[in-house]
Protein backbone atom coordinates (compact mmCIF):
# COMPACT_ATOMS: atom_id res chain seq x y z
CA MET A 1 22.79 10.31 -4.33
CA GLY A 2 23.39 7.05 -3.33
CA ARG A 3 21.95 3.52 -3.77
CA LEU A 4 18.66 2.17 -3.36
CA VAL A 5 19.00 -0.88 -1.15
CA ALA A 6 16.29 -3.66 -0.81
CA VAL A 7 16.13 -6.11 2.02
CA CYS A 8 14.24 -9.28 2.31
CA ALA A 9 14.89 -11.59 5.00
CA SER A 10 12.54 -14.02 4.16
CA PRO A 11 11.90 -14.16 0.39
CA ALA A 12 9.30 -16.53 -1.07
CA ILE A 13 7.86 -17.82 -4.86
CA ASP A 14 4.27 -16.14 -5.02
CA ARG A 15 1.79 -18.72 -7.09
CA ASN A 16 -1.15 -17.10 -7.91
CA TYR A 17 -4.10 -18.64 -8.87
CA VAL A 18 -7.72 -16.86 -10.32
CA LEU A 19 -11.05 -18.74 -9.59
CA ASP A 20 -14.27 -18.18 -10.51
CA ARG A 21 -15.43 -18.67 -6.90
CA LEU A 22 -13.78 -20.06 -3.81
CA VAL A 23 -16.35 -22.79 -2.42
CA PRO A 24 -14.32 -24.70 0.70
CA GLY A 25 -14.61 -28.22 0.77
CA THR A 26 -14.54 -28.45 -3.05
CA LEU A 27 -11.83 -29.48 -5.67
CA HIS A 28 -10.91 -25.91 -7.92
CA ARG A 29 -9.35 -26.15 -11.14
CA ALA A 30 -7.44 -23.35 -12.17
CA ALA A 31 -5.33 -22.82 -15.66
CA ASN A 32 -1.97 -20.91 -15.92
CA PRO A 33 -1.60 -19.53 -12.51
CA THR A 34 1.39 -16.58 -12.41
CA VAL A 35 4.31 -17.30 -10.71
CA THR A 36 6.65 -14.80 -9.64
CA ALA A 37 9.35 -14.16 -7.12
CA GLY A 38 7.92 -12.75 -4.33
CA GLY A 39 8.26 -12.01 -0.55
CA LYS A 40 7.94 -7.83 0.40
CA GLY A 41 11.76 -7.04 0.04
CA VAL A 42 11.80 -8.57 -3.33
CA ASN A 43 8.54 -6.57 -4.52
CA VAL A 44 9.68 -3.50 -3.51
CA ALA A 45 12.73 -3.83 -5.44
CA ARG A 46 10.95 -5.03 -8.60
CA VAL A 47 8.78 -2.10 -8.66
CA LEU A 48 12.26 0.77 -7.53
CA ALA A 49 13.23 -1.79 -11.32
CA MET A 50 10.56 -0.80 -13.07
CA LEU A 51 10.27 2.82 -12.35
CA GLY A 52 13.42 2.93 -13.81
CA GLU A 53 15.96 2.33 -10.91
CA LYS A 54 18.69 -0.14 -10.55
CA PRO A 55 18.16 -1.49 -7.01
CA LEU A 56 20.65 -4.09 -4.96
CA LEU A 57 18.71 -6.69 -2.99
CA LEU A 58 19.80 -8.78 -0.25
CA GLY A 59 18.28 -11.71 1.44
CA PHE A 60 18.42 -15.20 2.13
CA ALA A 61 17.83 -18.27 -0.53
CA ALA A 62 17.81 -21.85 -0.15
CA GLY A 63 17.56 -24.85 -2.29
CA GLU A 64 16.11 -24.79 -6.69
CA THR A 65 13.48 -22.02 -5.30
CA GLY A 66 16.15 -20.07 -4.42
CA ARG A 67 17.86 -20.30 -7.35
CA PHE A 68 14.61 -19.24 -9.24
CA LEU A 69 13.87 -15.81 -7.31
CA LEU A 70 17.57 -15.64 -8.01
CA ARG A 71 17.46 -15.96 -12.27
CA GLU A 72 13.94 -13.85 -11.67
CA MET A 73 15.35 -10.83 -10.10
CA GLN A 74 18.29 -10.49 -12.76
CA ARG A 75 15.53 -10.98 -15.58
CA VAL A 76 14.20 -8.04 -14.11
CA GLY A 77 16.63 -5.64 -13.61
CA VAL A 78 17.34 -6.23 -10.60
CA ARG A 79 21.44 -6.79 -8.61
CA THR A 80 21.08 -9.40 -6.18
CA HIS A 81 22.89 -10.70 -3.58
CA LEU A 82 21.50 -13.26 -1.56
CA THR A 83 23.43 -15.70 1.53
CA GLY A 84 22.45 -19.08 0.82
CA VAL A 85 20.63 -20.93 3.57
CA THR A 86 19.60 -24.70 3.92
CA GLY A 87 16.15 -26.08 2.44
CA SER A 88 14.11 -24.29 0.04
CA THR A 89 12.90 -20.62 -0.47
CA ARG A 90 9.63 -20.82 0.47
CA TYR A 91 6.12 -20.91 -1.26
CA SER A 92 2.79 -18.26 -1.06
CA LEU A 93 -0.10 -19.53 -2.45
CA ASN A 94 -2.59 -16.72 -3.52
CA LEU A 95 -5.92 -17.46 -3.98
CA LEU A 96 -8.28 -14.91 -6.53
CA ASP A 97 -12.10 -15.20 -5.68
CA ARG A 98 -13.46 -13.19 -8.82
CA ALA A 99 -17.05 -13.67 -7.20
CA ALA A 100 -16.48 -12.51 -3.75
CA GLY A 101 -13.87 -9.97 -4.67
CA LYS A 102 -11.65 -11.08 -1.89
CA GLU A 103 -8.05 -12.70 -1.88
CA THR A 104 -6.65 -15.75 0.32
CA GLU A 105 -3.26 -15.95 1.27
CA ILE A 106 -1.19 -18.75 2.34
CA THR A 107 2.11 -18.58 3.63
CA GLU A 108 4.31 -21.06 4.27
CA ALA A 109 7.14 -20.42 7.03
CA GLY A 110 10.27 -20.93 4.91
CA PRO A 111 13.60 -22.09 5.84
CA ALA A 112 15.61 -21.46 9.75
CA VAL A 113 18.63 -19.09 9.10
CA SER A 114 21.94 -20.62 11.02
CA GLU A 115 24.13 -18.33 13.23
CA GLU A 116 26.68 -19.14 10.59
CA SER A 117 24.14 -17.62 7.68
CA LEU A 118 23.30 -14.90 9.40
CA ASN A 119 26.80 -13.50 10.64
CA GLN A 120 27.62 -14.53 7.20
CA PHE A 121 24.59 -11.96 5.82
CA LEU A 122 25.55 -9.09 8.55
CA PHE A 123 29.07 -9.05 7.48
CA HIS A 124 27.80 -8.96 3.79
CA PHE A 125 25.51 -6.25 4.65
CA GLU A 126 28.12 -4.24 6.89
CA ASP A 127 30.48 -3.97 4.27
CA THR A 128 28.13 -3.04 1.33
CA ILE A 129 26.07 -0.78 2.81
CA GLU A 130 27.85 2.81 2.03
CA SER A 131 27.01 6.77 2.84
CA GLY A 132 24.22 8.12 0.95
CA ASP A 133 22.13 4.51 0.61
CA LEU A 134 18.61 4.29 1.20
CA VAL A 135 18.01 0.92 2.18
CA VAL A 136 14.55 -0.28 1.89
CA MET A 137 13.95 -3.72 4.99
CA SER A 138 10.81 -5.22 4.07
CA GLY A 139 8.54 -8.34 5.67
CA GLY A 140 8.72 -10.75 8.58
CA LEU A 141 12.03 -12.63 9.93
CA PRO A 142 12.51 -16.30 9.16
CA ALA A 143 13.07 -18.84 11.47
CA GLY A 144 16.63 -18.64 13.69
CA ALA A 145 16.32 -14.64 13.20
CA PRO A 146 16.50 -12.48 16.17
CA VAL A 147 13.57 -10.27 16.67
CA ASP A 148 15.81 -7.06 16.83
CA LEU A 149 17.68 -7.93 13.46
CA TYR A 150 15.94 -4.72 11.83
CA ALA A 151 17.37 -3.03 15.00
CA ARG A 152 20.79 -4.26 14.06
CA MET A 153 20.53 -3.29 10.61
CA ALA A 154 19.28 -0.15 10.76
CA ARG A 155 22.42 0.63 13.54
CA ILE A 156 25.07 0.10 10.62
CA VAL A 157 23.00 1.97 8.36
CA ARG A 158 23.18 4.98 10.39
CA ALA A 159 26.93 4.50 11.33
CA LYS A 160 27.63 4.23 7.60
CA GLY A 161 25.76 7.24 7.17
CA ALA A 162 22.79 6.03 5.14
CA ARG A 163 19.39 6.00 5.45
CA CYS A 164 16.71 3.39 6.17
CA VAL A 165 12.76 2.42 5.61
CA VAL A 166 11.61 -0.40 7.93
CA ASP A 167 8.39 -2.25 6.93
CA THR A 168 7.79 -5.41 9.58
CA GLY A 169 5.34 -6.82 11.92
CA ALA A 170 5.15 -5.29 15.36
CA GLU A 171 7.55 -6.09 17.46
CA PRO A 172 10.28 -6.48 14.89
CA LEU A 173 9.16 -2.61 14.23
CA ARG A 174 9.31 -2.10 18.24
CA ALA A 175 12.83 -3.46 18.26
CA ALA A 176 14.22 -1.08 15.48
CA LEU A 177 11.87 1.78 16.56
CA ALA A 178 15.07 2.24 18.96
CA GLU A 179 17.14 2.85 16.31
CA LYS A 180 15.39 5.76 14.77
CA PRO A 181 14.92 4.47 11.19
CA ASP A 182 14.19 7.74 8.85
CA LEU A 183 10.73 6.07 7.87
CA VAL A 184 8.34 3.01 9.23
CA LYS A 185 5.26 1.68 7.14
CA PRO A 186 3.03 0.15 10.43
CA ASN A 187 -0.64 -0.48 8.93
CA LEU A 188 -3.35 0.23 11.69
CA ARG A 189 -3.39 -3.13 13.22
CA GLU A 190 0.71 -3.00 13.80
CA LEU A 191 0.25 0.58 15.36
CA SER A 192 -2.89 -0.69 17.68
CA SER A 193 -0.11 -3.55 18.95
CA LEU A 194 2.30 -1.07 19.57
CA VAL A 195 0.49 1.50 21.58
CA GLY A 196 -1.66 -1.23 23.34
CA ARG A 197 -5.19 0.26 22.66
CA PRO A 198 -7.50 0.13 19.05
CA VAL A 199 -6.32 2.65 16.36
CA ARG A 200 -8.61 3.04 13.48
CA ARG A 201 -9.30 6.96 13.09
CA LYS A 202 -6.88 9.02 11.15
CA ALA A 203 -6.41 11.02 14.47
CA GLU A 204 -5.66 8.17 16.52
CA ALA A 205 -3.18 7.23 14.12
CA VAL A 206 -1.34 10.43 14.29
CA ALA A 207 -1.34 10.71 18.48
CA ALA A 208 -0.10 7.12 18.27
CA VAL A 209 2.81 7.80 16.11
CA ARG A 210 3.75 10.71 17.88
CA GLU A 211 3.36 8.77 21.57
CA LEU A 212 5.93 6.24 19.79
CA GLY A 213 8.51 9.07 18.93
CA ILE A 214 8.37 8.24 15.19
CA ALA A 215 9.82 10.86 13.03
CA ARG A 216 7.92 9.77 9.88
CA ALA A 217 5.53 6.92 9.28
CA VAL A 218 3.29 6.01 6.54
CA VAL A 219 0.21 4.27 7.80
CA SER A 220 -1.77 2.00 5.48
CA LEU A 221 -5.20 2.25 5.66
CA GLY A 222 -6.20 -0.38 3.20
CA ALA A 223 -9.30 1.13 0.68
CA GLU A 224 -9.50 4.40 2.47
CA GLY A 225 -5.58 5.54 1.28
CA ALA A 226 -2.56 6.32 3.70
CA LEU A 227 -1.77 8.82 5.87
CA LEU A 228 1.81 9.87 6.28
CA VAL A 229 2.88 11.35 9.52
CA THR A 230 6.12 13.66 10.04
CA ALA A 231 7.78 16.30 11.78
CA GLU A 232 5.97 19.24 9.37
CA GLY A 233 2.25 18.00 10.08
CA ALA A 234 0.29 15.21 8.57
CA TRP A 235 -1.17 14.12 4.86
CA HIS A 236 -3.96 11.69 3.44
CA ALA A 237 -3.64 10.55 0.11
CA SER A 238 -6.89 8.78 -1.12
CA ALA A 239 -6.87 5.64 -2.09
CA LEU A 240 -7.34 6.08 -6.45
CA PRO A 241 -10.80 4.58 -7.99
CA VAL A 242 -9.46 1.63 -9.89
CA ASP A 243 -10.49 -1.86 -11.13
CA VAL A 244 -8.89 -3.81 -8.49
CA ALA A 245 -7.38 -7.06 -9.58
CA ASN A 246 -5.12 -8.12 -6.20
CA THR A 247 -4.17 -5.87 -3.49
CA ILE A 248 -1.53 -8.23 -2.69
CA GLY A 249 1.55 -6.60 -2.74
CA SER A 250 0.16 -2.84 -3.20
CA GLY A 251 1.50 -1.94 0.37
CA ASP A 252 5.09 -3.28 -0.43
CA SER A 253 4.14 -0.62 -4.02
CA LEU A 254 3.61 2.10 -1.96
CA VAL A 255 6.82 1.85 -0.15
CA ALA A 256 8.47 1.42 -2.85
CA GLY A 257 6.87 4.62 -4.27
CA LEU A 258 8.30 6.30 -1.15
CA ALA A 259 11.49 4.99 -1.07
CA LEU A 260 11.83 6.49 -4.41
CA GLY A 261 10.44 9.74 -3.61
CA MET A 262 12.74 9.86 -0.93
CA HIS A 263 15.82 8.87 -3.25
CA ARG A 264 14.88 11.76 -5.66
CA LYS A 265 14.47 14.74 -3.05
CA LEU A 266 11.16 14.83 -3.91
CA SER A 267 8.65 16.61 -0.98
CA TRP A 268 6.66 14.60 1.06
CA LYS A 269 3.76 15.41 -0.62
CA ARG A 270 4.58 14.70 -3.79
CA SER A 271 6.19 11.43 -2.69
CA LEU A 272 2.61 10.28 -0.77
CA ALA A 273 1.51 11.01 -4.85
CA LEU A 274 3.83 8.95 -6.16
CA ALA A 275 3.40 6.03 -3.55
CA THR A 276 -0.35 5.84 -3.84
CA ALA A 277 -0.10 5.78 -7.70
CA CYS A 278 1.97 2.33 -7.13
CA ALA A 279 0.15 0.90 -5.02
CA ALA A 280 -3.48 1.62 -7.15
CA SER A 281 -1.18 0.49 -10.39
CA ASN A 282 -0.07 -3.08 -8.33
CA ALA A 283 -4.06 -3.43 -7.34
CA THR A 284 -5.13 -3.36 -11.22
CA ARG A 285 -2.96 -6.81 -11.87
CA VAL A 286 -3.21 -10.56 -10.68
CA GLU A 287 0.37 -10.40 -10.63
CA VAL A 288 1.83 -9.16 -6.96
CA GLY A 289 4.49 -6.33 -6.73
CA VAL A 290 4.38 -5.50 -10.45
CA VAL A 291 3.65 -2.00 -11.76
CA ASP A 292 3.30 -0.06 -14.92
CA PRO A 293 5.24 3.10 -15.04
CA GLU A 294 3.45 4.84 -17.49
CA GLU A 295 0.64 4.17 -15.31
CA VAL A 296 2.04 5.75 -12.28
CA ALA A 297 3.68 8.64 -14.22
CA ARG A 298 0.04 9.73 -15.39
CA TRP A 299 -1.68 8.72 -11.87
CA LYS A 300 0.64 10.41 -9.48
CA ASP A 301 -0.70 13.96 -10.23
CA THR A 302 -4.36 12.72 -9.86
CA VAL A 303 -3.90 11.67 -6.13
CA ARG A 304 -5.79 13.90 -4.07
CA VAL A 305 -2.97 14.42 -1.29
CA ARG A 306 -5.05 16.55 1.72
CA LYS A 307 -3.11 18.05 5.15
CA VAL A 308 -4.50 16.15 8.25
CA PRO A 309 -5.26 18.81 11.17
CA VAL A 310 -3.07 18.01 14.32
CA ARG A 311 -2.47 20.11 17.42
CA ASN A 312 1.07 19.28 17.41
CA ALA A 313 4.19 18.48 15.43
CA VAL A 314 5.53 15.52 15.57
CA LYS A 315 9.05 15.21 18.07
């Protein structure tokens, strides 16, 4: 069946503060912040581990914060190989405003990767990936990394007879599209940037995916759920009505659920339902990239997935 491999080129340490009300320009006191290993690929790996898998995490780490990240991943059952770089793994601060029901996220730039570290990482990546693996590349790129890093990695994945999922910003994603990844996850803003016009509606998103020649894409729609476009058609999954505590990490949980569905050879419709349940379970928690497997198992069968009428199949 192959393995599940998550890549996080720019991991972080998440510090989450819950505030009764966020008032700019004033002093806030917050007791007991939650501190967890973070970054999009880290979140994907943790969710996969919580759902019973044994993923491998690859990426970069630096300093004492990097060592904390490594210990946290080992604690939750994620096998990890992180290439060392100079400096310190970045922090990401999440301020949860209960009164407004909004999140404010402050992310540090993080350490730069040297050419030597980058070559070391790519050498290990190529040596590690095997036929049948499913590789999930998530998140932005660190300073010093080329914009086509994920494209290079996707080329290696294809040469090895493996599959890959890419979830990143518009420009690294644009470069990766040339290597035909098996699945990509843009949001509406990223999709708009890729096609050079506003994309706001489901029909516009389907048209944009077709125009870009993407074989399979899941487009996150925030509170409206997610849209999955494949060669067989398009499906929309409505977001589950849950008590939202924090939506940060729900997109990563969505990707983890889709990757798990692909790994277990579920239909695209069932994979989308599973992914939507993962996103909802994450949203009910203050912690980022955390799900309850029992909730996911119950909720996946309650997700409403409807086929979106489209005129032509994706080529």
